[in-house]
Amino acid sequence: QVRLVESGGGLVPPGGSLRLSCAASGRLFTINTMGWYRQFPGKDREVVATVSTSGSINYADSVKGRFTISRDNAKNTWSLEMNSLKPEDTAVYFCYAQTVVSIEGRMPHWGQGTQVSVSS
């Protein structure tokens, strides 16, 4: 099992910055992808950014050039640096990890979620 604990989030004005961090514990050797999702009210969760253990990074088009995902393998943490925040970035952000459970089996794991609000 993998446990994810998030920190960061809060209220910032448009154009501001925030940093989210995620700390993982448990069967860390089974993680092959880590990242961040967000959820708008009444909507499904959507991917924001992911990074694989091989170093491959992907961003949602809506955050490219503004958000940066990074990881610290030694500390088993990853972060999302969010710059030039817009009101439409307001959502609950979830830390995410995918583990390998079998040759073809994958399992998602989620943090508790943290509110990011962008408003003047």
PDB file of N, CA and C in Angstrom:
ATOM      1  N   GLN A   1       0.849  -1.192   0.000  1.00  0.00           N
ATOM      2  CA  GLN A   1       0.000   0.000   0.000  1.00  0.00           C
ATOM      3  C   GLN A   1       0.885   1.244   0.000  1.00  0.00           C
ATOM      4  N   VAL A   2       0.372   2.306  -0.560  1.00  0.00           N
ATOM      5  CA  VAL A   2       1.071   3.588  -0.627  1.00  0.00           C
ATOM      6  C   VAL A   2       0.201   4.657   0.017  1.00  0.00           C
ATOM      7  N   ARG A   3       0.805   5.465   0.863  1.00  0.00           N
ATOM      8  CA  ARG A   3       0.086   6.561   1.512  1.00  0.00           C
ATOM      9  C   ARG A   3       0.663   7.880   1.037  1.00  0.00           C
ATOM     10  N   LEU A   4      -0.231   8.817   0.693  1.00  0.00           N
ATOM     11  CA  LEU A   4       0.187  10.113   0.170  1.00  0.00           C
ATOM     12  C   LEU A   4      -0.342  11.215   1.077  1.00  0.00           C
ATOM     13  N   VAL A   5       0.533  12.136   1.444  1.00  0.00           N
ATOM     14  CA  VAL A   5       0.140  13.261   2.292  1.00  0.00           C
ATOM     15  C   VAL A   5       0.529  14.551   1.597  1.00  0.00           C
ATOM     16  N   GLU A   6      -0.452  15.404   1.384  1.00  0.00           N
ATOM     17  CA  GLU A   6      -0.229  16.661   0.682  1.00  0.00           C
ATOM     18  C   GLU A   6      -0.012  17.803   1.651  1.00  0.00           C
ATOM     19  N   SER A   7       0.630  18.846   1.149  1.00  0.00           N
ATOM     20  CA  SER A   7       0.740  20.100   1.880  1.00  0.00           C
ATOM     21  C   SER A   7       0.754  21.227   0.855  1.00  0.00           C
ATOM     22  N   GLY A   8       0.403  22.409   1.318  1.00  0.00           N
ATOM     23  CA  GLY A   8       0.333  23.560   0.433  1.00  0.00           C
ATOM     24  C   GLY A   8      -1.109  23.897   0.133  1.00  0.00           C
ATOM     25  N   GLY A   9      -1.320  24.697  -0.867  1.00  0.00           N
ATOM     26  CA  GLY A   9      -2.658  25.136  -1.195  1.00  0.00           C
ATOM     27  C   GLY A   9      -3.002  26.403  -0.442  1.00  0.00           C
ATOM     28  N   GLY A  10      -4.165  26.962  -0.753  1.00  0.00           N
ATOM     29  CA  GLY A  10      -4.600  28.174  -0.077  1.00  0.00           C
ATOM     30  C   GLY A  10      -5.236  29.151  -1.042  1.00  0.00           C
ATOM     31  N   LEU A  11      -5.289  30.416  -0.612  1.00  0.00           N
ATOM     32  CA  LEU A  11      -5.916  31.476  -1.398  1.00  0.00           C
ATOM     33  C   LEU A  11      -4.851  32.462  -1.874  1.00  0.00           C
ATOM     34  N   VAL A  12      -4.846  32.737  -3.168  1.00  0.00           N
ATOM     35  CA  VAL A  12      -3.914  33.700  -3.737  1.00  0.00           C
ATOM     36  C   VAL A  12      -4.645  34.572  -4.735  1.00  0.00           C
ATOM     37  N   PRO A  13      -4.153  35.787  -4.982  1.00  0.00           N
ATOM     38  CA  PRO A  13      -4.763  36.630  -6.000  1.00  0.00           C
ATOM     39  C   PRO A  13      -4.339  36.188  -7.390  1.00  0.00           C
ATOM     40  N   PRO A  14      -5.078  36.568  -8.411  1.00  0.00           N
ATOM     41  CA  PRO A  14      -4.677  36.243  -9.788  1.00  0.00           C
ATOM     42  C   PRO A  14      -3.260  36.725 -10.063  1.00  0.00           C
ATOM     43  N   GLY A  15      -2.492  35.867 -10.740  1.00  0.00           N
ATOM     44  CA  GLY A  15      -1.097  36.168 -11.013  1.00  0.00           C
ATOM     45  C   GLY A  15      -0.160  35.683  -9.937  1.00  0.00           C
ATOM     46  N   GLY A  16      -0.695  35.208  -8.848  1.00  0.00           N
ATOM     47  CA  GLY A  16       0.127  34.749  -7.736  1.00  0.00           C
ATOM     48  C   GLY A  16       0.671  33.351  -7.956  1.00  0.00           C
ATOM     49  N   SER A  17       1.392  32.874  -6.946  1.00  0.00           N
ATOM     50  CA  SER A  17       2.045  31.565  -7.022  1.00  0.00           C
ATOM     51  C   SER A  17       1.744  30.745  -5.773  1.00  0.00           C
ATOM     52  N   LEU A  18       1.740  29.446  -5.962  1.00  0.00           N
ATOM     53  CA  LEU A  18       1.591  28.501  -4.861  1.00  0.00           C
ATOM     54  C   LEU A  18       2.429  27.275  -5.162  1.00  0.00           C
ATOM     55  N   ARG A  19       2.798  26.577  -4.090  1.00  0.00           N
ATOM     56  CA  ARG A  19       3.543  25.333  -4.250  1.00  0.00           C
ATOM     57  C   ARG A  19       2.835  24.250  -3.464  1.00  0.00           C
ATOM     58  N   LEU A  20       2.552  23.146  -4.141  1.00  0.00           N
ATOM     59  CA  LEU A  20       1.981  21.967  -3.498  1.00  0.00           C
ATOM     60  C   LEU A  20       3.062  20.905  -3.373  1.00  0.00           C
ATOM     61  N   SER A  21       3.049  20.198  -2.263  1.00  0.00           N
ATOM     62  CA  SER A  21       4.005  19.113  -2.067  1.00  0.00           C
ATOM     63  C   SER A  21       3.275  17.844  -1.662  1.00  0.00           C
ATOM     64  N   CYS A  22       3.860  16.714  -2.029  1.00  0.00           N
ATOM     65  CA  CYS A  22       3.286  15.412  -1.702  1.00  0.00           C
ATOM     66  C   CYS A  22       4.391  14.523  -1.156  1.00  0.00           C
ATOM     67  N   ALA A  23       4.136  13.913  -0.007  1.00  0.00           N
ATOM     68  CA  ALA A  23       5.087  12.984   0.587  1.00  0.00           C
ATOM     69  C   ALA A  23       4.484  11.580   0.547  1.00  0.00           C
ATOM     70  N   ALA A  24       5.255  10.636   0.049  1.00  0.00           N
ATOM     71  CA  ALA A  24       4.780   9.262  -0.089  1.00  0.00           C
ATOM     72  C   ALA A  24       5.455   8.355   0.923  1.00  0.00           C
ATOM     73  N   SER A  25       4.711   7.363   1.380  1.00  0.00           N
ATOM     74  CA  SER A  25       5.263   6.335   2.264  1.00  0.00           C
ATOM     75  C   SER A  25       4.626   5.000   1.904  1.00  0.00           C
ATOM     76  N   GLY A  26       5.253   3.923   2.359  1.00  0.00           N
ATOM     77  CA  GLY A  26       4.728   2.599   2.063  1.00  0.00           C
ATOM     78  C   GLY A  26       5.581   1.884   1.025  1.00  0.00           C
ATOM     79  N   ARG A  27       4.915   1.144   0.142  1.00  0.00           N
ATOM     80  CA  ARG A  27       5.605   0.334  -0.870  1.00  0.00           C
ATOM     81  C   ARG A  27       6.035   1.207  -2.040  1.00  0.00           C
ATOM     82  N   LEU A  28       6.996   2.039  -1.783  1.00  0.00           N
ATOM     83  CA  LEU A  28       7.397   3.050  -2.757  1.00  0.00           C
ATOM     84  C   LEU A  28       8.022   2.453  -3.999  1.00  0.00           C
ATOM     85  N   PHE A  29       8.605   1.269  -3.870  1.00  0.00           N
ATOM     86  CA  PHE A  29       9.287   0.679  -5.022  1.00  0.00           C
ATOM     87  C   PHE A  29       8.302   0.268  -6.112  1.00  0.00           C
ATOM     88  N   THR A  30       7.008   0.260  -5.776  1.00  0.00           N
ATOM     89  CA  THR A  30       6.003  -0.126  -6.771  1.00  0.00           C
ATOM     90  C   THR A  30       5.464   1.073  -7.564  1.00  0.00           C
ATOM     91  N   ILE A  31       5.863   2.296  -7.182  1.00  0.00           N
ATOM     92  CA  ILE A  31       5.371   3.487  -7.884  1.00  0.00           C
ATOM     93  C   ILE A  31       6.059   3.616  -9.231  1.00  0.00           C
ATOM     94  N   ASN A  32       5.284   3.813 -10.306  1.00  0.00           N
ATOM     95  CA  ASN A  32       5.894   4.063 -11.608  1.00  0.00           C
ATOM     96  C   ASN A  32       5.532   5.428 -12.165  1.00  0.00           C
ATOM     97  N   THR A  33       4.509   6.062 -11.615  1.00  0.00           N
ATOM     98  CA  THR A  33       4.102   7.405 -12.051  1.00  0.00           C
ATOM     99  C   THR A  33       3.601   8.181 -10.845  1.00  0.00           C
ATOM    100  N   MET A  34       3.924   9.471 -10.800  1.00  0.00           N
ATOM    101  CA  MET A  34       3.434  10.333  -9.725  1.00  0.00           C
ATOM    102  C   MET A  34       2.994  11.648 -10.348  1.00  0.00           C
ATOM    103  N   GLY A  35       2.145  12.376  -9.638  1.00  0.00           N
ATOM    104  CA  GLY A  35       1.705  13.626 -10.226  1.00  0.00           C
ATOM    105  C   GLY A  35       0.606  14.303  -9.455  1.00  0.00           C
ATOM    106  N   TRP A  36      -0.146  15.151 -10.184  1.00  0.00           N
ATOM    107  CA  TRP A  36      -1.219  15.942  -9.607  1.00  0.00           C
ATOM    108  C   TRP A  36      -2.432  15.952 -10.520  1.00  0.00           C
ATOM    109  N   TYR A  37      -3.603  15.828  -9.903  1.00  0.00           N
ATOM    110  CA  TYR A  37      -4.884  15.987 -10.577  1.00  0.00           C
ATOM    111  C   TYR A  37      -5.626  17.128  -9.884  1.00  0.00           C
ATOM    112  N   ARG A  38      -6.659  17.613 -10.522  1.00  0.00           N
ATOM    113  CA  ARG A  38      -7.528  18.599  -9.883  1.00  0.00           C
ATOM    114  C   ARG A  38      -8.978  18.302 -10.230  1.00  0.00           C
ATOM    115  N   GLN A  39      -9.852  18.802  -9.383  1.00  0.00           N
ATOM    116  CA  GLN A  39     -11.279  18.550  -9.561  1.00  0.00           C
ATOM    117  C   GLN A  39     -12.053  19.836  -9.348  1.00  0.00           C
ATOM    118  N   PHE A  40     -12.828  20.211 -10.373  1.00  0.00           N
ATOM    119  CA  PHE A  40     -13.713  21.353 -10.280  1.00  0.00           C
ATOM    120  C   PHE A  40     -15.060  20.873  -9.747  1.00  0.00           C
ATOM    121  N   PRO A  41     -15.829  21.746  -9.101  1.00  0.00           N
ATOM    122  CA  PRO A  41     -17.126  21.337  -8.564  1.00  0.00           C
ATOM    123  C   PRO A  41     -18.011  20.711  -9.637  1.00  0.00           C
ATOM    124  N   GLY A  42     -18.529  19.540  -9.329  1.00  0.00           N
ATOM    125  CA  GLY A  42     -19.430  18.862 -10.242  1.00  0.00           C
ATOM    126  C   GLY A  42     -18.756  18.197 -11.426  1.00  0.00           C
ATOM    127  N   LYS A  43     -17.431  18.168 -11.440  1.00  0.00           N
ATOM    128  CA  LYS A  43     -16.698  17.581 -12.557  1.00  0.00           C
ATOM    129  C   LYS A  43     -15.831  16.418 -12.087  1.00  0.00           C
ATOM    130  N   ASP A  44     -15.400  15.598 -13.040  1.00  0.00           N
ATOM    131  CA  ASP A  44     -14.463  14.526 -12.732  1.00  0.00           C
ATOM    132  C   ASP A  44     -13.056  15.098 -12.537  1.00  0.00           C
ATOM    133  N   ARG A  45     -12.224  14.343 -11.864  1.00  0.00           N
ATOM    134  CA  ARG A  45     -10.835  14.757 -11.719  1.00  0.00           C
ATOM    135  C   ARG A  45     -10.159  14.769 -13.082  1.00  0.00           C
ATOM    136  N   GLU A  46      -9.272  15.745 -13.262  1.00  0.00           N
ATOM    137  CA  GLU A  46      -8.529  15.835 -14.509  1.00  0.00           C
ATOM    138  C   GLU A  46      -7.037  15.949 -14.194  1.00  0.00           C
ATOM    139  N   VAL A  47      -6.236  15.420 -15.087  1.00  0.00           N
ATOM    140  CA  VAL A  47      -4.801  15.434 -14.867  1.00  0.00           C
ATOM    141  C   VAL A  47      -4.265  16.855 -15.021  1.00  0.00           C
ATOM    142  N   VAL A  48      -3.335  17.202 -14.149  1.00  0.00           N
ATOM    143  CA  VAL A  48      -2.643  18.483 -14.232  1.00  0.00           C
ATOM    144  C   VAL A  48      -1.221  18.256 -14.750  1.00  0.00           C
ATOM    145  N   ALA A  49      -0.501  17.357 -14.079  1.00  0.00           N
ATOM    146  CA  ALA A  49       0.871  17.064 -14.476  1.00  0.00           C
ATOM    147  C   ALA A  49       1.271  15.718 -13.904  1.00  0.00           C
ATOM    148  N   THR A  50       2.065  14.981 -14.665  1.00  0.00           N
ATOM    149  CA  THR A  50       2.584  13.708 -14.186  1.00  0.00           C
ATOM    150  C   THR A  50       4.056  13.580 -14.541  1.00  0.00           C
ATOM    151  N   VAL A  51       4.762  12.795 -13.742  1.00  0.00           N
ATOM    152  CA  VAL A  51       6.158  12.474 -14.022  1.00  0.00           C
ATOM    153  C   VAL A  51       6.358  10.993 -13.726  1.00  0.00           C
ATOM    154  N   SER A  52       7.005  10.314 -14.642  1.00  0.00           N
ATOM    155  CA  SER A  52       7.239   8.885 -14.447  1.00  0.00           C
ATOM    156  C   SER A  52       8.592   8.674 -13.770  1.00  0.00           C
ATOM    157  N   THR A  53       8.810   7.456 -13.299  1.00  0.00           N
ATOM    158  CA  THR A  53      10.085   7.150 -12.675  1.00  0.00           C
ATOM    159  C   THR A  53      11.222   7.205 -13.681  1.00  0.00           C
ATOM    160  N   SER A  54      10.893   7.142 -14.959  1.00  0.00           N
ATOM    161  CA  SER A  54      11.917   7.267 -16.003  1.00  0.00           C
ATOM    162  C   SER A  54      12.207   8.721 -16.330  1.00  0.00           C
ATOM    163  N   GLY A  55      11.394   9.636 -15.757  1.00  0.00           N
ATOM    164  CA  GLY A  55      11.632  11.057 -15.972  1.00  0.00           C
ATOM    165  C   GLY A  55      10.744  11.716 -16.997  1.00  0.00           C
ATOM    166  N   SER A  56       9.851  10.965 -17.600  1.00  0.00           N
ATOM    167  CA  SER A  56       8.945  11.526 -18.598  1.00  0.00           C
ATOM    168  C   SER A  56       7.899  12.406 -17.919  1.00  0.00           C
ATOM    169  N   ILE A  57       7.747  13.641 -18.407  1.00  0.00           N
ATOM    170  CA  ILE A  57       6.825  14.614 -17.808  1.00  0.00           C
ATOM    171  C   ILE A  57       5.752  15.000 -18.806  1.00  0.00           C
ATOM    172  N   ASN A  58       4.524  15.104 -18.296  1.00  0.00           N
ATOM    173  CA  ASN A  58       3.408  15.552 -19.119  1.00  0.00           C
ATOM    174  C   ASN A  58       2.596  16.601 -18.358  1.00  0.00           C
ATOM    175  N   TYR A  59       2.120  17.590 -19.094  1.00  0.00           N
ATOM    176  CA  TYR A  59       1.293  18.646 -18.520  1.00  0.00           C
ATOM    177  C   TYR A  59      -0.013  18.762 -19.297  1.00  0.00           C
ATOM    178  N   ALA A  60      -1.061  19.136 -18.587  1.00  0.00           N
ATOM    179  CA  ALA A  60      -2.290  19.525 -19.261  1.00  0.00           C
ATOM    180  C   ALA A  60      -2.014  20.800 -20.056  1.00  0.00           C
ATOM    181  N   ASP A  61      -2.656  20.940 -21.204  1.00  0.00           N
ATOM    182  CA  ASP A  61      -2.425  22.120 -22.040  1.00  0.00           C
ATOM    183  C   ASP A  61      -2.711  23.413 -21.286  1.00  0.00           C
ATOM    184  N   SER A  62      -3.687  23.374 -20.409  1.00  0.00           N
ATOM    185  CA  SER A  62      -4.120  24.580 -19.710  1.00  0.00           C
ATOM    186  C   SER A  62      -3.084  25.105 -18.713  1.00  0.00           C
ATOM    187  N   VAL A  63      -2.095  24.273 -18.354  1.00  0.00           N
ATOM    188  CA  VAL A  63      -1.115  24.716 -17.355  1.00  0.00           C
ATOM    189  C   VAL A  63       0.298  24.798 -17.909  1.00  0.00           C
ATOM    190  N   LYS A  64       0.488  24.393 -19.144  1.00  0.00           N
ATOM    191  CA  LYS A  64       1.827  24.419 -19.736  1.00  0.00           C
ATOM    192  C   LYS A  64       2.407  25.833 -19.699  1.00  0.00           C
ATOM    193  N   GLY A  65       3.652  25.916 -19.276  1.00  0.00           N
ATOM    194  CA  GLY A  65       4.322  27.208 -19.184  1.00  0.00           C
ATOM    195  C   GLY A  65       4.072  27.931 -17.875  1.00  0.00           C
ATOM    196  N   ARG A  66       3.133  27.468 -17.090  1.00  0.00           N
ATOM    197  CA  ARG A  66       2.821  28.113 -15.806  1.00  0.00           C
ATOM    198  C   ARG A  66       3.121  27.210 -14.614  1.00  0.00           C
ATOM    199  N   PHE A  67       2.893  25.910 -14.773  1.00  0.00           N
ATOM    200  CA  PHE A  67       3.087  24.960 -13.693  1.00  0.00           C
ATOM    201  C   PHE A  67       4.321  24.105 -13.973  1.00  0.00           C
ATOM    202  N   THR A  68       5.010  23.729 -12.911  1.00  0.00           N
ATOM    203  CA  THR A  68       6.181  22.864 -13.031  1.00  0.00           C
ATOM    204  C   THR A  68       6.115  21.761 -11.986  1.00  0.00           C
ATOM    205  N   ILE A  69       6.222  20.527 -12.459  1.00  0.00           N
ATOM    206  CA  ILE A  69       6.258  19.397 -11.538  1.00  0.00           C
ATOM    207  C   ILE A  69       7.706  18.977 -11.344  1.00  0.00           C
ATOM    208  N   SER A  70       8.033  18.611 -10.116  1.00  0.00           N
ATOM    209  CA  SER A  70       9.381  18.143  -9.828  1.00  0.00           C
ATOM    210  C   SER A  70       9.306  17.050  -8.774  1.00  0.00           C
ATOM    211  N   ARG A  71      10.350  16.269  -8.678  1.00  0.00           N
ATOM    212  CA  ARG A  71      10.371  15.185  -7.691  1.00  0.00           C
ATOM    213  C   ARG A  71      11.734  15.120  -7.028  1.00  0.00           C
ATOM    214  N   ASP A  72      11.711  14.628  -5.797  1.00  0.00           N
ATOM    215  CA  ASP A  72      12.934  14.406  -5.037  1.00  0.00           C
ATOM    216  C   ASP A  72      12.931  12.939  -4.643  1.00  0.00           C
ATOM    217  N   ASN A  73      13.640  12.129  -5.394  1.00  0.00           N
ATOM    218  CA  ASN A  73      13.616  10.696  -5.152  1.00  0.00           C
ATOM    219  C   ASN A  73      14.173  10.336  -3.774  1.00  0.00           C
ATOM    220  N   ALA A  74      15.168  11.087  -3.330  1.00  0.00           N
ATOM    221  CA  ALA A  74      15.784  10.771  -2.042  1.00  0.00           C
ATOM    222  C   ALA A  74      14.808  10.969  -0.896  1.00  0.00           C
ATOM    223  N   LYS A  75      13.905  11.934  -1.044  1.00  0.00           N
ATOM    224  CA  LYS A  75      12.950  12.230   0.027  1.00  0.00           C
ATOM    225  C   LYS A  75      11.575  11.635  -0.244  1.00  0.00           C
ATOM    226  N   ASN A  76      11.421  10.970  -1.397  1.00  0.00           N
ATOM    227  CA  ASN A  76      10.121  10.383  -1.763  1.00  0.00           C
ATOM    228  C   ASN A  76       9.023  11.448  -1.770  1.00  0.00           C
ATOM    229  N   THR A  77       9.332  12.574  -2.348  1.00  0.00           N
ATOM    230  CA  THR A  77       8.352  13.653  -2.449  1.00  0.00           C
ATOM    231  C   THR A  77       8.296  14.170  -3.875  1.00  0.00           C
ATOM    232  N   TRP A  78       7.202  14.798  -4.210  1.00  0.00           N
ATOM    233  CA  TRP A  78       7.107  15.540  -5.465  1.00  0.00           C
ATOM    234  C   TRP A  78       6.278  16.781  -5.237  1.00  0.00           C
ATOM    235  N   SER A  79       6.508  17.774  -6.076  1.00  0.00           N
ATOM    236  CA  SER A  79       5.901  19.080  -5.870  1.00  0.00           C
ATOM    237  C   SER A  79       5.334  19.623  -7.167  1.00  0.00           C
ATOM    238  N   LEU A  80       4.420  20.564  -7.010  1.00  0.00           N
ATOM    239  CA  LEU A  80       3.853  21.280  -8.145  1.00  0.00           C
ATOM    240  C   LEU A  80       3.997  22.764  -7.863  1.00  0.00           C
ATOM    241  N   GLU A  81       4.839  23.418  -8.630  1.00  0.00           N
ATOM    242  CA  GLU A  81       5.013  24.854  -8.531  1.00  0.00           C
ATOM    243  C   GLU A  81       4.048  25.495  -9.511  1.00  0.00           C
ATOM    244  N   MET A  82       3.156  26.334  -8.973  1.00  0.00           N
ATOM    245  CA  MET A  82       2.117  26.948  -9.801  1.00  0.00           C
ATOM    246  C   MET A  82       2.331  28.454  -9.839  1.00  0.00           C
ATOM    247  N   ASN A  83       2.587  28.972 -11.013  1.00  0.00           N
ATOM    248  CA  ASN A  83       2.813  30.397 -11.212  1.00  0.00           C
ATOM    249  C   ASN A  83       1.740  30.980 -12.129  1.00  0.00           C
ATOM    250  N   SER A  84       1.645  32.294 -12.115  1.00  0.00           N
ATOM    251  CA  SER A  84       0.669  32.989 -12.966  1.00  0.00           C
ATOM    252  C   SER A  84      -0.719  32.372 -12.823  1.00  0.00           C
ATOM    253  N   LEU A  85      -1.122  32.162 -11.595  1.00  0.00           N
ATOM    254  CA  LEU A  85      -2.401  31.496 -11.339  1.00  0.00           C
ATOM    255  C   LEU A  85      -3.568  32.338 -11.824  1.00  0.00           C
ATOM    256  N   LYS A  86      -4.588  31.631 -12.310  1.00  0.00           N
ATOM    257  CA  LYS A  86      -5.785  32.262 -12.841  1.00  0.00           C
ATOM    258  C   LYS A  86      -6.988  31.819 -12.012  1.00  0.00           C
ATOM    259  N   PRO A  87      -8.052  32.601 -12.025  1.00  0.00           N
ATOM    260  CA  PRO A  87      -9.257  32.170 -11.295  1.00  0.00           C
ATOM    261  C   PRO A  87      -9.753  30.795 -11.750  1.00  0.00           C
ATOM    262  N   GLU A  88      -9.550  30.463 -13.007  1.00  0.00           N
ATOM    263  CA  GLU A  88     -10.002  29.157 -13.510  1.00  0.00           C
ATOM    264  C   GLU A  88      -9.128  28.000 -13.039  1.00  0.00           C
ATOM    265  N   ASP A  89      -8.052  28.298 -12.311  1.00  0.00           N
ATOM    266  CA  ASP A  89      -7.262  27.241 -11.682  1.00  0.00           C
ATOM    267  C   ASP A  89      -7.840  26.833 -10.322  1.00  0.00           C
ATOM    268  N   THR A  90      -8.852  27.567  -9.877  1.00  0.00           N
ATOM    269  CA  THR A  90      -9.473  27.255  -8.592  1.00  0.00           C
ATOM    270  C   THR A  90     -10.095  25.865  -8.634  1.00  0.00           C
ATOM    271  N   ALA A  91      -9.644  25.003  -7.720  1.00  0.00           N
ATOM    272  CA  ALA A  91     -10.100  23.611  -7.702  1.00  0.00           C
ATOM    273  C   ALA A  91      -9.515  22.937  -6.466  1.00  0.00           C
ATOM    274  N   VAL A  92      -9.936  21.708  -6.242  1.00  0.00           N
ATOM    275  CA  VAL A  92      -9.290  20.862  -5.249  1.00  0.00           C
ATOM    276  C   VAL A  92      -8.213  20.062  -5.985  1.00  0.00           C
ATOM    277  N   TYR A  93      -6.991  20.133  -5.483  1.00  0.00           N
ATOM    278  CA  TYR A  93      -5.861  19.465  -6.111  1.00  0.00           C
ATOM    279  C   TYR A  93      -5.516  18.203  -5.328  1.00  0.00           C
ATOM    280  N   PHE A  94      -5.287  17.118  -6.061  1.00  0.00           N
ATOM    281  CA  PHE A  94      -4.996  15.820  -5.454  1.00  0.00           C
ATOM    282  C   PHE A  94      -3.626  15.329  -5.877  1.00  0.00           C
ATOM    283  N   CYS A  95      -2.865  14.910  -4.910  1.00  0.00           N
ATOM    284  CA  CYS A  95      -1.626  14.204  -5.173  1.00  0.00           C
ATOM    285  C   CYS A  95      -1.961  12.808  -5.679  1.00  0.00           C
ATOM    286  N   TYR A  96      -1.173  12.296  -6.610  1.00  0.00           N
ATOM    287  CA  TYR A  96      -1.491  11.027  -7.272  1.00  0.00           C
ATOM    288  C   TYR A  96      -0.245  10.180  -7.433  1.00  0.00           C
ATOM    289  N   ALA A  97      -0.407   8.893  -7.264  1.00  0.00           N
ATOM    290  CA  ALA A  97       0.662   7.950  -7.576  1.00  0.00           C
ATOM    291  C   ALA A  97       0.037   6.703  -8.188  1.00  0.00           C
ATOM    292  N   GLN A  98       0.726   6.138  -9.147  1.00  0.00           N
ATOM    293  CA  GLN A  98       0.281   4.879  -9.757  1.00  0.00           C
ATOM    294  C   GLN A  98       1.297   3.804  -9.404  1.00  0.00           C
ATOM    295  N   THR A  99       0.809   2.680  -8.925  1.00  0.00           N
ATOM    296  CA  THR A  99       1.699   1.581  -8.595  1.00  0.00           C
ATOM    297  C   THR A  99       1.476   0.410  -9.541  1.00  0.00           C
ATOM    298  N   VAL A 100       2.501  -0.379  -9.687  1.00  0.00           N
ATOM    299  CA  VAL A 100       2.434  -1.590 -10.492  1.00  0.00           C
ATOM    300  C   VAL A 100       2.091  -2.733  -9.560  1.00  0.00           C
ATOM    301  N   VAL A 101       0.973  -3.402  -9.812  1.00  0.00           N
ATOM    302  CA  VAL A 101       0.535  -4.502  -8.953  1.00  0.00           C
ATOM    303  C   VAL A 101       0.689  -5.856  -9.621  1.00  0.00           C
ATOM    304  N   SER A 102       0.859  -5.873 -10.944  1.00  0.00           N
ATOM    305  CA  SER A 102       1.088  -7.110 -11.679  1.00  0.00           C
ATOM    306  C   SER A 102       1.679  -6.722 -13.028  1.00  0.00           C
ATOM    307  N   ILE A 103       1.908  -7.710 -13.872  1.00  0.00           N
ATOM    308  CA  ILE A 103       2.515  -7.419 -15.178  1.00  0.00           C
ATOM    309  C   ILE A 103       1.696  -6.384 -15.942  1.00  0.00           C
ATOM    310  N   GLU A 104       0.383  -6.503 -15.888  1.00  0.00           N
ATOM    311  CA  GLU A 104      -0.469  -5.553 -16.600  1.00  0.00           C
ATOM    312  C   GLU A 104      -1.359  -4.758 -15.657  1.00  0.00           C
ATOM    313  N   GLY A 105      -1.230  -4.967 -14.362  1.00  0.00           N
ATOM    314  CA  GLY A 105      -2.112  -4.310 -13.412  1.00  0.00           C
ATOM    315  C   GLY A 105      -1.528  -3.045 -12.848  1.00  0.00           C
ATOM    316  N   ARG A 106      -2.322  -1.988 -12.796  1.00  0.00           N
ATOM    317  CA  ARG A 106      -1.917  -0.712 -12.241  1.00  0.00           C
ATOM    318  C   ARG A 106      -2.973  -0.257 -11.234  1.00  0.00           C
ATOM    319  N   MET A 107      -2.543   0.430 -10.192  1.00  0.00           N
ATOM    320  CA  MET A 107      -3.482   0.903  -9.173  1.00  0.00           C
ATOM    321  C   MET A 107      -3.210   2.365  -8.869  1.00  0.00           C
ATOM    322  N   PRO A 108      -4.271   3.190  -8.842  1.00  0.00           N
ATOM    323  CA  PRO A 108      -4.089   4.594  -8.487  1.00  0.00           C
ATOM    324  C   PRO A 108      -4.174   4.787  -6.972  1.00  0.00           C
ATOM    325  N   HIS A 109      -3.444   5.782  -6.493  1.00  0.00           N
ATOM    326  CA  HIS A 109      -3.488   6.162  -5.087  1.00  0.00           C
ATOM    327  C   HIS A 109      -3.644   7.679  -5.030  1.00  0.00           C
ATOM    328  N   TRP A 110      -4.373   8.150  -4.028  1.00  0.00           N
ATOM    329  CA  TRP A 110      -4.702   9.571  -3.960  1.00  0.00           C
ATOM    330  C   TRP A 110      -4.387  10.158  -2.595  1.00  0.00           C
ATOM    331  N   GLY A 111      -3.984  11.418  -2.610  1.00  0.00           N
ATOM    332  CA  GLY A 111      -3.888  12.173  -1.379  1.00  0.00           C
ATOM    333  C   GLY A 111      -5.281  12.637  -0.963  1.00  0.00           C
ATOM    334  N   GLN A 112      -5.344  13.369   0.142  1.00  0.00           N
ATOM    335  CA  GLN A 112      -6.630  13.780   0.693  1.00  0.00           C
ATOM    336  C   GLN A 112      -7.234  14.967  -0.053  1.00  0.00           C
ATOM    337  N   GLY A 113      -6.445  15.646  -0.848  1.00  0.00           N
ATOM    338  CA  GLY A 113      -6.930  16.807  -1.583  1.00  0.00           C
ATOM    339  C   GLY A 113      -6.670  18.097  -0.828  1.00  0.00           C
ATOM    340  N   THR A 114      -6.344  19.150  -1.558  1.00  0.00           N
ATOM    341  CA  THR A 114      -6.115  20.456  -0.954  1.00  0.00           C
ATOM    342  C   THR A 114      -6.738  21.527  -1.849  1.00  0.00           C
ATOM    343  N   GLN A 115      -7.383  22.488  -1.219  1.00  0.00           N
ATOM    344  CA  GLN A 115      -8.079  23.527  -1.968  1.00  0.00           C
ATOM    345  C   GLN A 115      -7.099  24.605  -2.432  1.00  0.00           C
ATOM    346  N   VAL A 116      -7.181  24.918  -3.706  1.00  0.00           N
ATOM    347  CA  VAL A 116      -6.455  26.057  -4.270  1.00  0.00           C
ATOM    348  C   VAL A 116      -7.503  27.033  -4.784  1.00  0.00           C
ATOM    349  N   SER A 117      -7.460  28.255  -4.268  1.00  0.00           N
ATOM    350  CA  SER A 117      -8.422  29.278  -4.669  1.00  0.00           C
ATOM    351  C   SER A 117      -7.673  30.494  -5.184  1.00  0.00           C
ATOM    352  N   VAL A 118      -8.066  30.948  -6.370  1.00  0.00           N
ATOM    353  CA  VAL A 118      -7.435  32.117  -6.983  1.00  0.00           C
ATOM    354  C   VAL A 118      -8.501  33.191  -7.131  1.00  0.00           C
ATOM    355  N   SER A 119      -8.359  34.232  -6.347  1.00  0.00           N
ATOM    356  CA  SER A 119      -9.377  35.279  -6.335  1.00  0.00           C
ATOM    357  C   SER A 119      -8.796  36.551  -5.764  1.00  0.00           C
ATOM    358  N   SER A 120      -9.285  37.663  -6.264  1.00  0.00           N
ATOM    359  CA  SER A 120      -8.864  38.954  -5.719  1.00  0.00           C
ATOM    360  C   SER A 120      -9.799  39.393  -4.596  1.00  0.00           C
TER     361      SER A 120
END
